[in-house]
Amino acid sequence: MLIYIARQPIFDQLKDVVAYELLYRDPETQTAYIKDANAATNSVLMASTLVASFEKLVEGKRAYINFTKDLINDGTPLLFSKDYMTIEILEDIVPDAGFMQKLLNLKDKGYTLALDDFTLHYPYTEIINLVDIIKVDFLLTSPSDQIEIIKKFNRPGLKFLAEKVETAKEFERAKSMGYDYFQGYYFSKPCIFKYKDINSLVSSHFEIIRALDSHNPTYTKLVSIFEKDVSLTYKLFKFANSPIYGGIEQINTVRQALVRLGFSNIRKWMYLIILRSMYTGQSDELVSVCLQRAKMLEIIAPYCGFSDRASECFLIGLFSMLDVLTDKNIVDVLEDLPLSIETKEAIINKENTLGRPLKLAIAYEKGDWSEVERLCRLLKLNPSNITTAYMESAQWASEIIQFTF
């Protein structure tokens, strides 16, 4: 049975990522959550699939997962470590004595409980008194109701999480209301990030790209450029000696480091360095999203009939959020980069042949499963390949961030 898994970051007041909400759906039932009492076997399979790469997916942070009444009664949350798990209780659950006992048992074992889509008139005080986190739909709940919720239900140890925070202005307003955590796409809005013009980047970065794109790239030419840039050489040594490339022998020279990586990986790495140089934000979460998109597109490229264009797909994913990183119009930013017209068009409009895989990756991130299935049909892509690519790319992005910056 195929299960889609995606993640959405949850931030604290300092805009640091503290957790991820994991989104999943069982295509057998065409629902985001398993509601059928007859789906007990499916629920076990779902949980097992998540557990297989669970810690890699959440990168050592907590995970928020929605659980139905049946899943909680079946003991499915116990398949996950309490140290990484926040159990989201659906707002439409009608509690009975047996269900409440299950929640008490989970609390006794140290699990964290969150109440999803909370409203001012939620009727079940026994659940309210038990949970650790209350999630409020910031978009649909009126400001007056939100203020009243925090005032009425606030108690020591209880945290409030604002969902669907879409802009920097909304983030500041939610923070002033007293929310502790925030979730939504506000972090990908341009006004959040500081501007750094592309022309201010170190010239050696583009000199290396030009050398790689020449008809006859040579390691000798690359060595001469790297040796003029101490900072870049340091990063090169750190990256080439990392476990990512599995070298047994220690790298001692710039040439050895470059040869170990190879021209293709050097090009990818340099574009990553350029990307990070354009972004002055403190958190690497946004860069991680770009990296994951890049790797995901590279992985699925052969399945979409783009075996010979995997490198282009990688760059499309990597540069898909340049407008956010630089706080500039995407067309203006891409004008300064040595990319093909087709590649730029894929990033800007996402509608041409190369742009559709990017559209698919974004839909997967958002948990827009109907759009994922539509694009899979359009690209003649097996949906099972998407889940695998997402998991592999998440792990790869985490490793690259660790050993590059």
Protein backbone atom coordinates (compact mmCIF):
# COMPACT_ATOMS: atom_id res chain seq x y z
CA MET A 1 0.00 0.00 0.00
CA LEU A 2 1.33 3.40 -1.02
CA ILE A 3 1.32 6.22 1.53
CA TYR A 4 2.33 9.78 0.76
CA ILE A 5 4.37 11.58 3.41
CA ALA A 6 5.24 15.28 3.42
CA ARG A 7 6.36 17.67 6.13
CA GLN A 8 5.63 21.29 7.02
CA PRO A 9 7.89 23.19 9.43
CA ILE A 10 6.70 24.62 12.76
CA PHE A 11 8.55 27.67 14.09
CA ASP A 12 9.01 29.27 17.48
CA GLN A 13 8.99 33.01 18.20
CA LEU A 14 12.63 33.28 17.08
CA LYS A 15 11.71 31.75 13.69
CA ASP A 16 13.70 28.62 14.45
CA VAL A 17 12.26 25.30 13.29
CA VAL A 18 11.26 23.29 16.35
CA ALA A 19 9.12 20.59 14.74
CA TYR A 20 7.52 19.32 11.55
CA GLU A 21 3.94 18.35 10.93
CA LEU A 22 3.91 15.14 8.91
CA LEU A 23 1.11 14.96 6.37
CA TYR A 24 0.00 11.64 4.98
CA ARG A 25 -2.83 10.11 3.04
CA ASP A 26 -3.88 6.57 2.28
CA PRO A 27 -4.82 6.40 -1.42
CA GLU A 28 -6.85 3.26 -0.72
CA THR A 29 -9.42 5.32 1.21
CA GLN A 30 -8.80 8.64 -0.62
CA THR A 31 -8.64 10.44 2.74
CA ALA A 32 -5.92 12.21 4.67
CA TYR A 33 -6.63 10.18 7.78
CA ILE A 34 -7.76 6.63 8.32
CA LYS A 35 -11.27 6.90 9.72
CA ASP A 36 -12.60 3.42 8.93
CA ALA A 37 -12.76 0.95 11.77
CA ASN A 38 -12.04 -1.73 9.16
CA ALA A 39 -8.76 -0.01 8.23
CA ALA A 40 -6.82 -1.26 11.28
CA THR A 41 -4.41 -3.20 9.10
CA ASN A 42 -3.92 -0.18 6.85
CA SER A 43 -3.16 1.96 9.89
CA VAL A 44 -0.44 -0.43 11.01
CA LEU A 45 1.09 -0.39 7.54
CA MET A 46 0.92 3.40 7.49
CA ALA A 47 2.67 3.67 10.83
CA SER A 48 5.31 1.14 9.83
CA THR A 49 6.05 3.11 6.68
CA LEU A 50 6.53 6.28 8.70
CA VAL A 51 8.67 4.59 11.32
CA ALA A 52 11.06 3.21 8.70
CA SER A 53 12.64 6.62 8.05
CA PHE A 54 11.00 8.61 10.81
CA GLU A 55 14.06 10.06 12.54
CA LYS A 56 15.67 10.97 9.23
CA LEU A 57 12.53 12.75 8.10
CA VAL A 58 12.22 14.93 11.22
CA GLU A 59 15.99 15.53 11.52
CA GLY A 60 16.04 15.08 15.27
CA LYS A 61 13.11 17.44 15.85
CA ARG A 62 9.59 16.67 17.01
CA ALA A 63 6.91 15.50 14.60
CA TYR A 64 3.24 16.43 14.75
CA ILE A 65 0.95 13.75 13.34
CA ASN A 66 -2.85 13.70 13.17
CA PHE A 67 -4.44 10.62 14.73
CA THR A 68 -8.06 9.57 14.52
CA LYS A 69 -9.97 8.09 17.43
CA ASP A 70 -9.54 4.60 15.97
CA LEU A 71 -5.77 5.00 15.61
CA ILE A 72 -5.42 6.19 19.20
CA ASN A 73 -7.63 3.40 20.48
CA ASP A 74 -5.55 0.91 18.47
CA GLY A 75 -2.37 2.13 20.18
CA THR A 76 -0.74 3.28 16.93
CA PRO A 77 1.04 6.28 18.56
CA LEU A 78 3.01 3.85 20.72
CA LEU A 79 4.87 2.76 17.57
CA PHE A 80 6.68 6.10 17.70
CA SER A 81 9.17 7.42 20.23
CA LYS A 82 7.67 9.89 22.71
CA ASP A 83 10.84 11.96 22.32
CA TYR A 84 10.00 12.76 18.69
CA MET A 85 6.22 12.56 18.67
CA THR A 86 3.43 15.08 19.21
CA ILE A 87 0.03 13.42 18.89
CA GLU A 88 -2.56 15.66 17.23
CA ILE A 89 -6.11 14.95 18.38
CA LEU A 90 -8.66 15.75 15.70
CA GLU A 91 -11.22 18.37 16.65
CA ASP A 92 -14.20 16.26 15.60
CA ILE A 93 -13.47 13.37 17.97
CA VAL A 94 -16.25 12.72 20.49
CA PRO A 95 -14.47 11.33 23.56
CA ASP A 96 -15.77 8.44 25.64
CA ALA A 97 -14.36 6.83 28.78
CA GLY A 98 -12.24 4.34 26.84
CA PHE A 99 -10.73 7.01 24.62
CA MET A 100 -9.93 9.27 27.57
CA GLN A 101 -8.17 6.37 29.27
CA LYS A 102 -6.03 5.92 26.15
CA LEU A 103 -5.07 9.60 26.26
CA LEU A 104 -4.25 9.36 29.98
CA ASN A 105 -2.06 6.34 29.28
CA LEU A 106 -0.20 8.24 26.57
CA LYS A 107 0.31 11.19 28.93
CA ASP A 108 1.60 8.85 31.65
CA LYS A 109 4.13 7.45 29.17
CA GLY A 110 5.41 10.95 28.42
CA TYR A 111 3.75 11.65 25.07
CA THR A 112 2.90 15.21 24.06
CA LEU A 113 -0.71 15.88 23.04
CA ALA A 114 -1.98 18.65 20.76
CA LEU A 115 -5.59 19.56 19.98
CA ASP A 116 -6.09 20.39 16.31
CA ASP A 117 -8.26 23.18 14.84
CA PHE A 118 -9.41 24.45 18.22
CA THR A 119 -12.32 26.90 18.41
CA LEU A 120 -13.68 29.05 21.21
CA HIS A 121 -16.74 26.85 21.68
CA TYR A 122 -14.97 23.47 21.64
CA PRO A 123 -17.12 21.45 24.10
CA TYR A 124 -14.84 18.78 25.60
CA THR A 125 -13.09 20.29 28.62
CA GLU A 126 -11.69 16.89 29.62
CA ILE A 127 -9.52 16.93 26.50
CA ILE A 128 -8.65 20.62 26.86
CA ASN A 129 -7.36 19.99 30.38
CA LEU A 130 -5.17 17.13 29.17
CA VAL A 131 -3.43 18.52 26.10
CA ASP A 132 -0.08 20.30 26.00
CA ILE A 133 -0.66 22.32 22.83
CA ILE A 134 -3.72 24.00 21.33
CA LYS A 135 -3.66 24.63 17.57
CA VAL A 136 -5.78 27.46 16.18
CA ASP A 137 -6.54 28.17 12.53
CA PHE A 138 -5.23 31.73 12.27
CA LEU A 139 -6.86 32.23 8.87
CA LEU A 140 -10.39 31.14 9.74
CA THR A 141 -10.65 32.15 13.41
CA SER A 142 -11.56 35.79 14.08
CA PRO A 143 -8.97 37.90 15.95
CA SER A 144 -11.42 38.47 18.81
CA ASP A 145 -12.00 34.72 19.20
CA GLN A 146 -8.26 34.06 19.16
CA ILE A 147 -7.62 36.61 21.89
CA GLU A 148 -10.44 35.11 23.95
CA ILE A 149 -9.11 31.55 23.43
CA ILE A 150 -5.65 32.43 24.73
CA LYS A 151 -7.08 34.44 27.62
CA LYS A 152 -9.66 31.84 28.65
CA PHE A 153 -7.67 28.63 28.33
CA ASN A 154 -4.14 29.74 29.13
CA ARG A 155 -2.51 27.83 31.98
CA PRO A 156 1.05 26.94 33.02
CA GLY A 157 2.66 24.56 30.55
CA LEU A 158 0.04 24.98 27.82
CA LYS A 159 1.33 26.25 24.46
CA PHE A 160 -0.62 27.83 21.62
CA LEU A 161 0.17 27.20 17.95
CA ALA A 162 -1.12 29.40 15.13
CA GLU A 163 -1.79 27.51 11.89
CA LYS A 164 -1.99 29.03 8.40
CA VAL A 165 0.12 32.08 9.16
CA GLU A 166 0.74 33.41 5.67
CA THR A 167 2.67 36.68 5.98
CA ALA A 168 5.27 38.42 8.12
CA LYS A 169 2.57 40.82 9.31
CA GLU A 170 0.39 37.92 10.43
CA PHE A 171 3.37 36.34 12.18
CA GLU A 172 4.00 39.51 14.18
CA ARG A 173 0.30 39.81 15.03
CA ALA A 174 0.12 36.18 16.14
CA LYS A 175 3.21 36.64 18.28
CA SER A 176 1.71 39.71 19.94
CA MET A 177 -1.45 37.73 20.73
CA GLY A 178 0.58 35.27 22.76
CA TYR A 179 1.14 32.33 20.42
CA ASP A 180 4.21 30.21 21.11
CA TYR A 181 4.48 28.32 17.81
CA PHE A 182 3.63 29.14 14.21
CA GLN A 183 2.90 27.11 11.11
CA GLY A 184 2.16 28.12 7.53
CA TYR A 185 3.84 29.61 4.50
CA TYR A 186 4.77 32.95 6.03
CA PHE A 187 8.42 31.92 6.04
CA SER A 188 8.42 31.75 2.24
CA LYS A 189 7.14 35.27 1.75
CA PRO A 190 9.76 37.73 0.43
CA CYS A 191 9.19 40.35 3.15
CA ILE A 192 10.60 38.04 5.80
CA PHE A 193 14.11 37.95 4.41
CA LYS A 194 16.84 40.53 4.07
CA TYR A 195 17.96 41.57 0.62
CA LYS A 196 21.41 40.85 -0.73
CA ASP A 197 22.08 41.72 -4.35
CA ILE A 198 23.47 39.03 -6.56
CA ASN A 199 26.18 41.37 -7.85
CA SER A 200 27.69 41.55 -4.36
CA LEU A 201 28.63 37.86 -4.42
CA VAL A 202 32.26 36.82 -4.54
CA SER A 203 33.36 36.92 -8.17
CA SER A 204 35.24 33.64 -7.83
CA HIS A 205 31.93 31.80 -7.48
CA PHE A 206 30.83 32.70 -10.98
CA GLU A 207 34.35 32.35 -12.31
CA ILE A 208 34.22 28.69 -11.27
CA ILE A 209 30.82 28.23 -12.92
CA ARG A 210 32.14 29.76 -16.15
CA ALA A 211 35.18 27.48 -16.03
CA LEU A 212 32.96 24.43 -15.56
CA ASP A 213 30.70 25.49 -18.44
CA SER A 214 33.58 25.96 -20.85
CA HIS A 215 34.14 23.44 -23.65
CA ASN A 216 37.16 21.91 -21.92
CA PRO A 217 36.99 22.34 -18.13
CA THR A 218 40.20 21.37 -16.37
CA TYR A 219 41.09 20.75 -12.76
CA THR A 220 44.18 22.92 -13.23
CA LYS A 221 42.02 25.95 -14.03
CA LEU A 222 39.70 25.24 -11.09
CA VAL A 223 42.63 24.81 -8.69
CA SER A 224 43.99 28.24 -9.67
CA ILE A 225 40.62 29.86 -8.88
CA PHE A 226 40.05 28.04 -5.58
CA GLU A 227 43.53 28.79 -4.29
CA LYS A 228 42.77 32.53 -4.50
CA ASP A 229 39.77 32.15 -2.17
CA VAL A 230 40.67 30.91 1.32
CA SER A 231 37.08 30.74 2.58
CA LEU A 232 35.89 28.77 -0.44
CA THR A 233 38.85 26.39 -0.22
CA TYR A 234 38.06 25.72 3.43
CA LYS A 235 34.47 24.85 2.52
CA LEU A 236 35.70 22.63 -0.31
CA PHE A 237 37.95 20.62 2.03
CA LYS A 238 35.17 20.27 4.58
CA PHE A 239 32.74 19.07 1.93
CA ALA A 240 35.11 16.72 0.10
CA ASN A 241 36.18 15.09 3.39
CA SER A 242 32.58 14.57 4.52
CA PRO A 243 30.98 11.11 4.64
CA ILE A 244 28.67 12.13 1.79
CA TYR A 245 31.29 11.17 -0.78
CA GLY A 246 32.60 8.25 1.19
CA GLY A 247 36.28 8.89 0.74
CA ILE A 248 38.51 6.70 2.87
CA GLU A 249 41.76 8.61 2.37
CA GLN A 250 42.08 12.11 3.79
CA ILE A 251 42.12 14.94 1.24
CA ASN A 252 45.31 17.00 1.39
CA THR A 253 45.25 19.19 -1.72
CA VAL A 254 42.73 21.29 -3.60
CA ARG A 255 43.17 19.10 -6.69
CA GLN A 256 42.43 15.93 -4.71
CA ALA A 257 39.27 17.51 -3.32
CA LEU A 258 38.08 18.59 -6.76
CA VAL A 259 38.82 15.22 -8.35
CA ARG A 260 36.94 13.41 -5.60
CA LEU A 261 33.85 15.52 -6.25
CA GLY A 262 34.01 15.56 -10.04
CA PHE A 263 32.85 18.34 -12.35
CA SER A 264 29.13 17.58 -12.00
CA ASN A 265 29.13 17.66 -8.19
CA ILE A 266 31.40 20.72 -8.10
CA ARG A 267 28.87 22.57 -10.27
CA LYS A 268 25.97 21.60 -7.97
CA TRP A 269 27.95 22.53 -4.88
CA MET A 270 28.96 25.91 -6.31
CA TYR A 271 25.37 26.76 -7.15
CA LEU A 272 24.50 25.87 -3.56
CA ILE A 273 27.23 28.19 -2.26
CA ILE A 274 25.85 30.96 -4.49
CA LEU A 275 22.34 30.27 -3.23
CA ARG A 276 23.38 30.47 0.42
CA SER A 277 25.40 33.63 -0.21
CA MET A 278 22.29 35.35 -1.50
CA TYR A 279 20.36 34.64 1.70
CA THR A 280 21.21 36.47 4.92
CA GLY A 281 18.58 34.83 7.12
CA GLN A 282 19.74 33.02 10.24
CA SER A 283 17.88 29.75 9.66
CA ASP A 284 18.93 27.29 6.96
CA GLU A 285 15.39 25.90 6.71
CA LEU A 286 14.63 27.78 3.50
CA VAL A 287 17.92 26.69 1.93
CA SER A 288 17.11 23.15 3.01
CA VAL A 289 13.76 23.35 1.17
CA CYS A 290 15.57 24.45 -1.99
CA LEU A 291 18.08 21.63 -1.63
CA GLN A 292 15.38 19.05 -1.09
CA ARG A 293 13.48 20.25 -4.15
CA ALA A 294 16.67 20.12 -6.21
CA LYS A 295 17.53 16.57 -5.23
CA MET A 296 13.93 15.40 -5.54
CA LEU A 297 13.72 16.73 -9.09
CA GLU A 298 17.04 15.14 -9.97
CA ILE A 299 15.85 11.76 -8.63
CA ILE A 300 12.51 11.75 -10.46
CA ALA A 301 13.92 13.18 -13.72
CA PRO A 302 14.62 9.75 -15.29
CA TYR A 303 11.11 8.55 -14.42
CA CYS A 304 9.69 11.59 -16.23
CA GLY A 305 11.74 10.92 -19.36
CA PHE A 306 14.43 13.49 -18.52
CA SER A 307 17.40 11.17 -17.88
CA ASP A 308 19.71 13.42 -19.86
CA ARG A 309 18.42 16.58 -18.17
CA ALA A 310 18.68 15.62 -14.51
CA SER A 311 21.24 18.37 -13.87
CA GLU A 312 18.87 20.99 -15.26
CA CYS A 313 16.08 19.64 -13.07
CA PHE A 314 18.41 19.93 -10.08
CA LEU A 315 19.06 23.62 -10.78
CA ILE A 316 15.36 24.32 -11.30
CA GLY A 317 14.63 22.98 -7.83
CA LEU A 318 17.62 24.71 -6.27
CA PHE A 319 16.71 28.14 -7.62
CA SER A 320 12.94 27.78 -7.26
CA MET A 321 12.78 30.20 -4.30
CA LEU A 322 15.30 32.84 -5.37
CA ASP A 323 12.65 35.54 -5.09
CA VAL A 324 12.17 34.63 -1.44
CA LEU A 325 15.89 34.43 -0.72
CA THR A 326 16.70 37.81 -2.24
CA ASP A 327 13.44 39.72 -1.74
CA LYS A 328 13.49 40.53 -5.46
CA ASN A 329 11.27 39.72 -8.40
CA ILE A 330 12.14 36.24 -9.68
CA VAL A 331 12.52 37.49 -13.27
CA ASP A 332 15.06 40.11 -12.20
CA VAL A 333 17.09 37.64 -10.15
CA LEU A 334 17.26 35.01 -12.89
CA GLU A 335 18.39 37.60 -15.42
CA ASP A 336 21.77 37.68 -13.69
CA LEU A 337 22.28 33.90 -13.71
CA PRO A 338 23.82 31.88 -16.57
CA LEU A 339 20.79 29.62 -17.09
CA SER A 340 19.00 28.59 -20.28
CA ILE A 341 15.75 30.30 -21.26
CA GLU A 342 13.86 27.02 -20.80
CA THR A 343 15.27 26.57 -17.29
CA LYS A 344 14.34 30.12 -16.32
CA GLU A 345 10.84 29.64 -17.74
CA ALA A 346 10.41 26.46 -15.69
CA ILE A 347 11.33 28.32 -12.49
CA ILE A 348 9.13 31.33 -13.23
CA ASN A 349 5.94 29.74 -14.56
CA LYS A 350 6.33 26.02 -13.75
CA GLU A 351 4.18 25.20 -16.78
CA ASN A 352 6.62 24.05 -19.44
CA THR A 353 8.00 20.52 -19.73
CA LEU A 354 10.78 21.08 -17.18
CA GLY A 355 8.54 23.10 -14.87
CA ARG A 356 5.98 20.39 -14.21
CA PRO A 357 8.25 18.28 -11.96
CA LEU A 358 8.84 21.42 -9.86
CA LYS A 359 5.09 21.95 -9.65
CA LEU A 360 4.79 18.34 -8.50
CA ALA A 361 7.43 18.77 -5.78
CA ILE A 362 5.69 21.89 -4.45
CA ALA A 363 2.30 20.15 -4.41
CA TYR A 364 3.86 17.27 -2.47
CA GLU A 365 5.37 19.66 0.09
CA LYS A 366 1.96 21.23 0.67
CA GLY A 367 0.20 17.88 0.95
CA ASP A 368 -2.00 18.72 -2.05
CA TRP A 369 -2.49 15.06 -2.90
CA SER A 370 -5.09 15.53 -5.66
CA GLU A 371 -2.65 17.82 -7.49
CA VAL A 372 0.15 15.30 -6.91
CA GLU A 373 -1.92 12.57 -8.54
CA ARG A 374 -2.92 14.82 -11.45
CA LEU A 375 0.70 15.72 -12.16
CA CYS A 376 1.83 12.11 -11.79
CA ARG A 377 -0.66 11.15 -14.49
CA LEU A 378 0.50 14.04 -16.67
CA LEU A 379 4.15 13.06 -16.27
CA LYS A 380 3.37 9.33 -16.54
CA LEU A 381 5.03 8.90 -13.17
CA ASN A 382 4.39 6.13 -10.64
CA PRO A 383 3.34 7.84 -7.37
CA SER A 384 5.44 5.38 -5.36
CA ASN A 385 8.56 6.95 -6.87
CA ILE A 386 7.54 10.33 -5.44
CA THR A 387 7.45 9.18 -1.83
CA THR A 388 10.84 7.47 -2.19
CA ALA A 389 12.34 10.56 -3.83
CA TYR A 390 10.95 12.83 -1.11
CA MET A 391 12.42 10.73 1.69
CA GLU A 392 15.83 10.38 0.02
CA SER A 393 16.02 14.07 -0.85
CA ALA A 394 15.13 15.11 2.72
CA GLN A 395 18.00 13.05 4.10
CA TRP A 396 20.40 14.30 1.43
CA ALA A 397 19.51 17.95 2.06
CA SER A 398 20.13 17.53 5.78
CA GLU A 399 23.58 16.03 5.14
CA ILE A 400 24.54 18.74 2.66
CA ILE A 401 23.57 21.51 5.08
CA GLN A 402 25.57 19.82 7.83
CA PHE A 403 28.78 19.54 5.84
CA THR A 404 28.65 22.69 3.72
CA PHE A 405 27.85 25.58 6.10
